[in-house]
C-alpha atoms as a PDB file:
ATOM      1  CA  UNK A   1      -6.833  -7.330  -5.361  1.00  0.00           C
ATOM      2  CA  UNK A   2     -10.514  -7.063  -5.756  1.00  0.00           C
ATOM      3  CA  UNK A   3     -10.845  -5.961  -9.605  1.00  0.00           C
ATOM      4  CA  UNK A   4      -8.735  -7.788 -11.177  1.00  0.00           C
ATOM      5  CA  UNK A   5     -10.455 -11.437 -11.172  1.00  0.00           C
ATOM      6  CA  UNK A   6      -6.492 -13.174 -11.098  1.00  0.00           C
ATOM      7  CA  UNK A   7      -5.823 -11.501  -7.921  1.00  0.00           C
ATOM      8  CA  UNK A   8      -8.761 -11.673  -6.745  1.00  0.00           C
ATOM      9  CA  UNK A   9      -8.999 -15.842  -6.691  1.00  0.00           C
ATOM     10  CA  UNK A  10      -5.850 -14.598  -4.338  1.00  0.00           C
ATOM     11  CA  UNK A  11      -7.991 -12.970  -1.667  1.00  0.00           C
ATOM     12  CA  UNK A  12      -8.722 -16.032   0.371  1.00  0.00           C
ATOM     13  CA  UNK A  13      -5.081 -18.084   0.968  1.00  0.00           C
ATOM     14  CA  UNK A  14      -4.007 -14.061   2.088  1.00  0.00           C
ATOM     15  CA  UNK A  15      -6.969 -13.872   4.438  1.00  0.00           C
ATOM     16  CA  UNK A  16      -6.155 -17.204   5.487  1.00  0.00           C
ATOM     17  CA  UNK A  17      -2.660 -17.640   5.987  1.00  0.00           C
ATOM     18  CA  UNK A  18      -2.810 -13.920   7.747  1.00  0.00           C
ATOM     19  CA  UNK A  19      -5.046 -15.140  10.719  1.00  0.00           C
ATOM     20  CA  UNK A  20      -2.914 -18.237  10.783  1.00  0.00           C
ATOM     21  CA  UNK A  21       0.132 -16.209  10.669  1.00  0.00           C
ATOM     22  CA  UNK A  22       3.483 -18.490  11.152  1.00  0.00           C
ATOM     23  CA  UNK A  23       6.535 -18.132  10.229  1.00  0.00           C
ATOM     24  CA  UNK A  24       5.751 -19.831   7.254  1.00  0.00           C
ATOM     25  CA  UNK A  25       2.712 -17.884   6.317  1.00  0.00           C
ATOM     26  CA  UNK A  26       5.010 -14.768   7.189  1.00  0.00           C
ATOM     27  CA  UNK A  27       7.236 -15.814   4.214  1.00  0.00           C
ATOM     28  CA  UNK A  28       4.450 -16.842   1.537  1.00  0.00           C
ATOM     29  CA  UNK A  29       3.089 -13.708   2.105  1.00  0.00           C
ATOM     30  CA  UNK A  30       5.723 -11.293   1.537  1.00  0.00           C
ATOM     31  CA  UNK A  31       7.070 -13.428  -1.808  1.00  0.00           C
ATOM     32  CA  UNK A  32       3.149 -12.442  -2.224  1.00  0.00           C
ATOM     33  CA  UNK A  33       2.751  -8.165  -1.948  1.00  0.00           C
ATOM     34  CA  UNK A  34       6.964  -7.808  -3.395  1.00  0.00           C
ATOM     35  CA  UNK A  35       4.798  -9.477  -6.604  1.00  0.00           C
ATOM     36  CA  UNK A  36       1.872  -7.913  -6.071  1.00  0.00           C
ATOM     37  CA  UNK A  37       3.712  -4.091  -5.536  1.00  0.00           C
ATOM     38  CA  UNK A  38       6.164  -5.326  -8.999  1.00  0.00           C
ATOM     39  CA  UNK A  39       2.137  -5.604 -10.739  1.00  0.00           C
ATOM     40  CA  UNK A  40       0.391  -2.474  -9.604  1.00  0.00           C
ATOM     41  CA  UNK A  41       3.250  -0.580 -10.224  1.00  0.00           C
ATOM     42  CA  UNK A  42       3.776  -1.784 -14.157  1.00  0.00           C
ATOM     43  CA  UNK A  43       3.377   0.733 -16.499  1.00  0.00           C
ATOM     44  CA  UNK A  44       0.862  -0.210 -19.534  1.00  0.00           C
ATOM     45  CA  UNK A  45       0.176   1.340 -22.506  1.00  0.00           C
ATOM     46  CA  UNK A  46      -3.305   2.381 -21.142  1.00  0.00           C
ATOM     47  CA  UNK A  47      -1.745   4.825 -18.745  1.00  0.00           C
ATOM     48  CA  UNK A  48      -1.259   6.974 -21.316  1.00  0.00           C
ATOM     49  CA  UNK A  49      -5.107   7.626 -22.302  1.00  0.00           C
ATOM     50  CA  UNK A  50      -5.646   8.420 -18.686  1.00  0.00           C
ATOM     51  CA  UNK A  51      -5.107  12.438 -17.228  1.00  0.00           C
ATOM     52  CA  UNK A  52      -5.308  12.647 -13.742  1.00  0.00           C
ATOM     53  CA  UNK A  53      -5.858  16.668 -14.214  1.00  0.00           C
ATOM     54  CA  UNK A  54      -9.020  15.754 -15.943  1.00  0.00           C
ATOM     55  CA  UNK A  55      -9.603  12.836 -13.014  1.00  0.00           C
ATOM     56  CA  UNK A  56      -9.312  15.648 -10.348  1.00  0.00           C
ATOM     57  CA  UNK A  57     -10.829  18.240 -11.811  1.00  0.00           C
ATOM     58  CA  UNK A  58     -14.440  16.425 -12.268  1.00  0.00           C
ATOM     59  CA  UNK A  59     -13.397  14.682  -8.110  1.00  0.00           C
ATOM     60  CA  UNK A  60     -12.956  18.017  -6.975  1.00  0.00           C
ATOM     61  CA  UNK A  61     -16.262  20.056  -8.884  1.00  0.00           C
ATOM     62  CA  UNK A  62     -18.606  17.669  -8.066  1.00  0.00           C
ATOM     63  CA  UNK A  63     -17.353  15.144  -5.604  1.00  0.00           C
ATOM     64  CA  UNK A  64     -14.590  16.012  -3.127  1.00  0.00           C
ATOM     65  CA  UNK A  65     -16.284  17.246   0.502  1.00  0.00           C
ATOM     66  CA  UNK A  66     -16.214  21.347   1.286  1.00  0.00           C
ATOM     67  CA  UNK A  67     -15.304  23.207   3.076  1.00  0.00           C
ATOM     68  CA  UNK A  68     -11.786  20.628   3.135  1.00  0.00           C
ATOM     69  CA  UNK A  69     -12.308  18.374   5.875  1.00  0.00           C
ATOM     70  CA  UNK A  70      -9.468  18.722   8.947  1.00  0.00           C
ATOM     71  CA  UNK A  71      -7.033  16.050   8.277  1.00  0.00           C
ATOM     72  CA  UNK A  72      -7.480  15.154  12.128  1.00  0.00           C
ATOM     73  CA  UNK A  73     -10.674  14.096  10.758  1.00  0.00           C
ATOM     74  CA  UNK A  74      -9.800  12.078   7.614  1.00  0.00           C
ATOM     75  CA  UNK A  75      -7.430  10.521   9.975  1.00  0.00           C
ATOM     76  CA  UNK A  76      -9.829   9.615  12.324  1.00  0.00           C
ATOM     77  CA  UNK A  77     -12.829   8.683   8.998  1.00  0.00           C
ATOM     78  CA  UNK A  78      -9.531   6.013   8.172  1.00  0.00           C
ATOM     79  CA  UNK A  79      -9.008   4.256  11.161  1.00  0.00           C
ATOM     80  CA  UNK A  80     -12.577   4.360  12.374  1.00  0.00           C
ATOM     81  CA  UNK A  81     -13.265   2.402   8.879  1.00  0.00           C
ATOM     82  CA  UNK A  82     -13.629  -1.264   8.310  1.00  0.00           C
ATOM     83  CA  UNK A  83     -12.113  -0.845   5.106  1.00  0.00           C
ATOM     84  CA  UNK A  84     -10.046   1.507   3.338  1.00  0.00           C
ATOM     85  CA  UNK A  85      -8.896   2.349  -0.191  1.00  0.00           C
ATOM     86  CA  UNK A  86      -4.706   3.054  -0.237  1.00  0.00           C
ATOM     87  CA  UNK A  87      -3.447   4.738   3.041  1.00  0.00           C
ATOM     88  CA  UNK A  88      -3.865   8.032   5.527  1.00  0.00           C
ATOM     89  CA  UNK A  89      -0.743   9.575   2.994  1.00  0.00           C
ATOM     90  CA  UNK A  90      -3.032   9.100  -0.045  1.00  0.00           C
ATOM     91  CA  UNK A  91      -6.279  11.543   1.621  1.00  0.00           C
ATOM     92  CA  UNK A  92      -3.965  14.127   2.689  1.00  0.00           C
ATOM     93  CA  UNK A  93      -2.262  14.841  -0.249  1.00  0.00           C
ATOM     94  CA  UNK A  94      -5.199  14.295  -2.085  1.00  0.00           C
ATOM     95  CA  UNK A  95      -6.797  17.556   0.883  1.00  0.00           C
ATOM     96  CA  UNK A  96      -4.180  19.442  -0.367  1.00  0.00           C
ATOM     97  CA  UNK A  97      -4.431  19.107  -3.848  1.00  0.00           C
ATOM     98  CA  UNK A  98      -7.466  19.471  -3.188  1.00  0.00           C
ATOM     99  CA  UNK A  99      -7.311  23.653  -2.177  1.00  0.00           C
ATOM    100  CA  UNK A 100      -4.883  23.769  -4.383  1.00  0.00           C
ATOM    101  CA  UNK A 101      -7.370  23.867  -7.093  1.00  0.00           C
ATOM    102  CA  UNK A 102     -10.233  25.468  -5.475  1.00  0.00           C
ATOM    103  CA  UNK A 103      -7.853  28.305  -3.865  1.00  0.00           C
ATOM    104  CA  UNK A 104     -11.339  27.995  -1.317  1.00  0.00           C
ATOM    105  CA  UNK A 105     -11.459  30.016   2.013  1.00  0.00           C
ATOM    106  CA  UNK A 106     -11.243  27.598   4.449  1.00  0.00           C
ATOM    107  CA  UNK A 107      -9.391  26.550   7.635  1.00  0.00           C
ATOM    108  CA  UNK A 108      -8.248  24.024   6.159  1.00  0.00           C
ATOM    109  CA  UNK A 109      -6.887  25.190   3.475  1.00  0.00           C
ATOM    110  CA  UNK A 110      -5.775  28.465   4.530  1.00  0.00           C
ATOM    111  CA  UNK A 111      -3.630  26.227   6.693  1.00  0.00           C
ATOM    112  CA  UNK A 112      -1.560  25.172   4.113  1.00  0.00           C
ATOM    113  CA  UNK A 113      -1.363  28.972   2.449  1.00  0.00           C
ATOM    114  CA  UNK A 114      -2.047  27.320  -1.327  1.00  0.00           C
ATOM    115  CA  UNK A 115      -3.937  31.209  -2.396  1.00  0.00           C
ATOM    116  CA  UNK A 116      -0.642  33.289  -2.051  1.00  0.00           C
ATOM    117  CA  UNK A 117       0.373  33.624  -6.173  1.00  0.00           C
ATOM    118  CA  UNK A 118      -2.958  35.486  -7.167  1.00  0.00           C
ATOM    119  CA  UNK A 119      -3.981  32.447  -9.841  1.00  0.00           C
ATOM    120  CA  UNK A 120      -7.393  31.030  -9.910  1.00  0.00           C
ATOM    121  CA  UNK A 121      -8.682  27.996  -9.426  1.00  0.00           C
ATOM    122  CA  UNK A 122      -8.487  24.295 -11.050  1.00  0.00           C
ATOM    123  CA  UNK A 123     -12.721  24.135 -10.781  1.00  0.00           C
ATOM    124  CA  UNK A 124     -15.386  24.612 -12.243  1.00  0.00           C
ATOM    125  CA  UNK A 125     -18.668  25.552  -9.586  1.00  0.00           C
ATOM    126  CA  UNK A 126     -21.945  23.762  -8.371  1.00  0.00           C
ATOM    127  CA  UNK A 127     -24.511  24.496 -10.703  1.00  0.00           C
ATOM    128  CA  UNK A 128     -28.310  24.387  -9.342  1.00  0.00           C
ATOM    129  CA  UNK A 129     -28.728  20.595 -10.577  1.00  0.00           C
ATOM    130  CA  UNK A 130     -25.523  19.415  -8.062  1.00  0.00           C
ATOM    131  CA  UNK A 131     -26.661  17.267  -5.473  1.00  0.00           C
ATOM    132  CA  UNK A 132     -30.905  17.015  -6.583  1.00  0.00           C
ATOM    133  CA  UNK A 133     -32.811  14.255  -7.340  1.00  0.00           C
ATOM    134  CA  UNK A 134     -33.582  14.059 -11.048  1.00  0.00           C
ATOM    135  CA  UNK A 135     -36.417  14.363 -12.301  1.00  0.00           C
ATOM    136  CA  UNK A 136     -36.184  12.411 -15.890  1.00  0.00           C
ATOM    137  CA  UNK A 137     -37.222  14.457 -18.754  1.00  0.00           C
ATOM    138  CA  UNK A 138     -40.346  13.298 -21.062  1.00  0.00           C
ATOM    139  CA  UNK A 139     -37.695  12.573 -24.129  1.00  0.00           C
ATOM    140  CA  UNK A 140     -35.544  11.250 -22.044  1.00  0.00           C
ATOM    141  CA  UNK A 141     -33.953   7.869 -20.631  1.00  0.00           C
ATOM    142  CA  UNK A 142     -31.263   6.521 -17.999  1.00  0.00           C
ATOM    143  CA  UNK A 143     -29.796   3.795 -18.064  1.00  0.00           C
ATOM    144  CA  UNK A 144     -27.325   3.103 -14.837  1.00  0.00           C
ATOM    145  CA  UNK A 145     -25.308   0.403 -14.509  1.00  0.00           C
ATOM    146  CA  UNK A 146     -24.037  -0.904 -11.974  1.00  0.00           C
ATOM    147  CA  UNK A 147     -22.175  -4.261 -10.324  1.00  0.00           C
ATOM    148  CA  UNK A 148     -22.726  -6.036  -6.678  1.00  0.00           C
ATOM    149  CA  UNK A 149     -18.348  -6.449  -5.856  1.00  0.00           C
ATOM    150  CA  UNK A 150     -17.238  -2.141  -6.565  1.00  0.00           C
ATOM    151  CA  UNK A 151     -15.820  -0.843  -3.661  1.00  0.00           C
ATOM    152  CA  UNK A 152     -15.885   2.499  -4.632  1.00  0.00           C
ATOM    153  CA  UNK A 153     -18.960   3.237  -5.467  1.00  0.00           C
ATOM    154  CA  UNK A 154     -21.577   0.494  -3.359  1.00  0.00           C
ATOM    155  CA  UNK A 155     -24.111  -0.895  -5.297  1.00  0.00           C
ATOM    156  CA  UNK A 156     -26.352   0.309  -2.356  1.00  0.00           C
ATOM    157  CA  UNK A 157     -26.034   3.906  -3.088  1.00  0.00           C
ATOM    158  CA  UNK A 158     -27.043   2.891  -7.385  1.00  0.00           C
ATOM    159  CA  UNK A 159     -30.129   1.608  -5.814  1.00  0.00           C
ATOM    160  CA  UNK A 160     -31.025   4.644  -3.823  1.00  0.00           C
ATOM    161  CA  UNK A 161     -29.893   6.881  -6.796  1.00  0.00           C
ATOM    162  CA  UNK A 162     -32.452   4.546  -9.392  1.00  0.00           C
ATOM    163  CA  UNK A 163     -35.288   4.713  -6.961  1.00  0.00           C
ATOM    164  CA  UNK A 164     -34.349   8.720  -6.212  1.00  0.00           C
ATOM    165  CA  UNK A 165     -35.151   8.805 -10.194  1.00  0.00           C
ATOM    166  CA  UNK A 166     -38.610  10.598 -11.080  1.00  0.00           C
ATOM    167  CA  UNK A 167     -40.173   9.317 -14.019  1.00  0.00           C
ATOM    168  CA  UNK A 168     -40.771   5.752 -14.838  1.00  0.00           C
ATOM    169  CA  UNK A 169     -38.413   5.566 -18.096  1.00  0.00           C
ATOM    170  CA  UNK A 170     -35.125   4.194 -16.403  1.00  0.00           C
ATOM    171  CA  UNK A 171     -33.283   0.948 -16.211  1.00  0.00           C
ATOM    172  CA  UNK A 172     -31.447  -0.363 -13.798  1.00  0.00           C
ATOM    173  CA  UNK A 173     -28.402  -3.096 -14.829  1.00  0.00           C
ATOM    174  CA  UNK A 174     -26.721  -5.244 -11.454  1.00  0.00           C
ATOM    175  CA  UNK A 175     -23.905  -7.206 -12.008  1.00  0.00           C
ATOM    176  CA  UNK A 176     -22.782  -9.747  -9.511  1.00  0.00           C
ATOM    177  CA  UNK A 177     -19.346  -9.874  -9.430  1.00  0.00           C
ATOM    178  CA  UNK A 178     -17.703  -6.216 -11.822  1.00  0.00           C
ATOM    179  CA  UNK A 179     -16.311  -4.447  -9.847  1.00  0.00           C
ATOM    180  CA  UNK A 180     -15.814  -0.149  -9.994  1.00  0.00           C
ATOM    181  CA  UNK A 181     -16.029   0.627 -13.876  1.00  0.00           C
ATOM    182  CA  UNK A 182     -18.786  -1.386 -15.574  1.00  0.00           C
ATOM    183  CA  UNK A 183     -17.689  -0.136 -18.712  1.00  0.00           C
ATOM    184  CA  UNK A 184     -14.259  -1.769 -18.545  1.00  0.00           C
ATOM    185  CA  UNK A 185     -14.880  -4.463 -15.552  1.00  0.00           C
ATOM    186  CA  UNK A 186     -17.498  -6.472 -17.447  1.00  0.00           C
ATOM    187  CA  UNK A 187     -15.677  -9.131 -19.554  1.00  0.00           C
ATOM    188  CA  UNK A 188     -17.740 -12.085 -21.379  1.00  0.00           C
ATOM    189  CA  UNK A 189     -14.623 -14.187 -22.106  1.00  0.00           C
ATOM    190  CA  UNK A 190     -11.067 -13.469 -23.364  1.00  0.00           C
ATOM    191  CA  UNK A 191     -11.713 -11.820 -26.879  1.00  0.00           C
ATOM    192  CA  UNK A 192     -12.041  -8.268 -24.971  1.00  0.00           C
ATOM    193  CA  UNK A 193     -15.555  -7.716 -24.910  1.00  0.00           C
ATOM    194  CA  UNK A 194     -17.502  -6.248 -22.016  1.00  0.00           C
ATOM    195  CA  UNK A 195     -21.058  -6.491 -21.432  1.00  0.00           C
ATOM    196  CA  UNK A 196     -20.907  -3.513 -20.064  1.00  0.00           C
ATOM    197  CA  UNK A 197     -20.031  -1.767 -22.990  1.00  0.00           C
ATOM    198  CA  UNK A 198     -21.573  -3.611 -25.262  1.00  0.00           C
ATOM    199  CA  UNK A 199     -25.117  -2.555 -23.335  1.00  0.00           C
ATOM    200  CA  UNK A 200     -23.759   1.247 -23.641  1.00  0.00           C
ATOM    201  CA  UNK A 201     -23.473   0.556 -27.526  1.00  0.00           C
ATOM    202  CA  UNK A 202     -26.511  -0.461 -27.448  1.00  0.00           C
ATOM    203  CA  UNK A 203     -28.363   2.658 -25.584  1.00  0.00           C
ATOM    204  CA  UNK A 204     -26.763   4.939 -27.592  1.00  0.00           C
ATOM    205  CA  UNK A 205     -27.257   3.539 -30.862  1.00  0.00           C
ATOM    206  CA  UNK A 206     -31.638   2.523 -30.098  1.00  0.00           C
ATOM    207  CA  UNK A 207     -31.844   6.308 -29.077  1.00  0.00           C
ATOM    208  CA  UNK A 208     -32.129   5.461 -25.055  1.00  0.00           C
ATOM    209  CA  UNK A 209     -35.322   3.668 -25.669  1.00  0.00           C
ATOM    210  CA  UNK A 210     -35.124   0.945 -23.150  1.00  0.00           C
ATOM    211  CA  UNK A 211     -37.720  -1.465 -24.725  1.00  0.00           C
ATOM    212  CA  UNK A 212     -35.293  -1.891 -27.230  1.00  0.00           C
ATOM    213  CA  UNK A 213     -31.821  -2.346 -25.102  1.00  0.00           C
ATOM    214  CA  UNK A 214     -29.844  -5.659 -26.526  1.00  0.00           C
ATOM    215  CA  UNK A 215     -29.264  -6.907 -22.935  1.00  0.00           C
ATOM    216  CA  UNK A 216     -28.231 -11.108 -24.183  1.00  0.00           C
ATOM    217  CA  UNK A 217     -25.024 -10.843 -22.732  1.00  0.00           C
ATOM    218  CA  UNK A 218     -25.696 -10.604 -19.484  1.00  0.00           C
ATOM    219  CA  UNK A 219     -26.651 -14.010 -19.847  1.00  0.00           C
ATOM    220  CA  UNK A 220     -22.869 -15.042 -19.920  1.00  0.00           C
ATOM    221  CA  UNK A 221     -21.417 -13.057 -17.977  1.00  0.00           C
ATOM    222  CA  UNK A 222     -18.821 -15.760 -15.992  1.00  0.00           C
ATOM    223  CA  UNK A 223     -19.593 -17.219 -13.385  1.00  0.00           C
ATOM    224  CA  UNK A 224     -17.452 -16.204  -9.962  1.00  0.00           C
ATOM    225  CA  UNK A 225     -14.026 -17.991  -9.676  1.00  0.00           C
ATOM    226  CA  UNK A 226     -11.286 -18.043  -7.237  1.00  0.00           C
ATOM    227  CA  UNK A 227      -9.649 -21.167  -8.809  1.00  0.00           C
ATOM    228  CA  UNK A 228      -5.681 -20.097  -9.178  1.00  0.00           C
ATOM    229  CA  UNK A 229      -4.115 -21.632 -11.971  1.00  0.00           C
ATOM    230  CA  UNK A 230      -1.590 -23.853 -10.975  1.00  0.00           C
ATOM    231  CA  UNK A 231       1.367 -20.942 -12.703  1.00  0.00           C
ATOM    232  CA  UNK A 232       0.260 -18.695 -10.763  1.00  0.00           C
ATOM    233  CA  UNK A 233      -0.076 -20.587  -8.254  1.00  0.00           C
ATOM    234  CA  UNK A 234       4.000 -20.790  -7.743  1.00  0.00           C
ATOM    235  CA  UNK A 235       5.083 -17.399  -9.365  1.00  0.00           C
ATOM    236  CA  UNK A 236       3.379 -15.865  -6.523  1.00  0.00           C
ATOM    237  CA  UNK A 237       3.362 -18.072  -3.235  1.00  0.00           C
ATOM    238  CA  UNK A 238       6.185 -20.739  -4.837  1.00  0.00           C
ATOM    239  CA  UNK A 239       4.154 -23.453  -3.639  1.00  0.00           C
ATOM    240  CA  UNK A 240       0.970 -24.537  -5.448  1.00  0.00           C
ATOM    241  CA  UNK A 241      -0.842 -25.613  -2.108  1.00  0.00           C
ATOM    242  CA  UNK A 242      -2.122 -21.867  -1.360  1.00  0.00           C
ATOM    243  CA  UNK A 243      -3.506 -22.050   1.726  1.00  0.00           C
ATOM    244  CA  UNK A 244      -0.843 -24.293   3.885  1.00  0.00           C
ATOM    245  CA  UNK A 245       2.324 -25.133   1.901  1.00  0.00           C
ATOM    246  CA  UNK A 246       5.790 -23.393   1.995  1.00  0.00           C
ATOM    247  CA  UNK A 247       7.186 -21.841  -0.161  1.00  0.00           C
ATOM    248  CA  UNK A 248      10.314 -23.529  -2.544  1.00  0.00           C
ATOM    249  CA  UNK A 249      11.680 -20.529  -3.382  1.00  0.00           C
ATOM    250  CA  UNK A 250      14.387 -18.198  -1.219  1.00  0.00           C
ATOM    251  CA  UNK A 251      12.654 -16.101   0.907  1.00  0.00           C
ATOM    252  CA  UNK A 252      11.817 -12.801  -0.346  1.00  0.00           C
ATOM    253  CA  UNK A 253      11.701  -8.958   0.146  1.00  0.00           C
ATOM    254  CA  UNK A 254       9.471  -6.299   0.039  1.00  0.00           C
ATOM    255  CA  UNK A 255      12.766  -4.160  -0.928  1.00  0.00           C
ATOM    256  CA  UNK A 256      13.448  -6.385  -3.577  1.00  0.00           C
END
């Protein structure tokens, strides 16, 4: 919900109703979550341009914990977390998939017996630069984009990364209300233009010269808007009063 500006506006009333939790709230929320699930499961043309094989290769090669953590530890981490993206079963499957990709010799992966067919792993080795503080070469510069509503790669880590880079030719651009993937989560208006993409294009066109970076789109970024359009309220909540109204529709079901 946080990623999409429209769905984001549902967060305050949804939290309110979850805390309030009357029978009327349960009916409204059941209808809402059914609509949300339907929207999430809708396949768009963008899906055709996404390679999960490439995604998994990058994640497992660069960021996955090694050796693979025990499944009980993954479950404990999830239960101890304040917020969590997805479900335990998702992380469980990812851990299994990591073992399949990497062919890692470890207690967790050995227990799955995924290395019994003699095939090679689909993974690349971490070189001497992996997980090391970057020293910016004299002929290069670094442009780092981050956003304060990014729940997947939090802004505080972008700050740490930026401060840790050795060199003066670096710039950190922060978006107040963008989310993960700042290239595509920074719409300037409804014309399909993105400030993050504009910054990247300017950086490339100017051959990494940060002094010539065009940041004018930052002044055009929309403010945070948590007002729900009237048609959206009725469509997903069945009422115009998003906080205390009763749905005008028949009782919804998560199975429909």
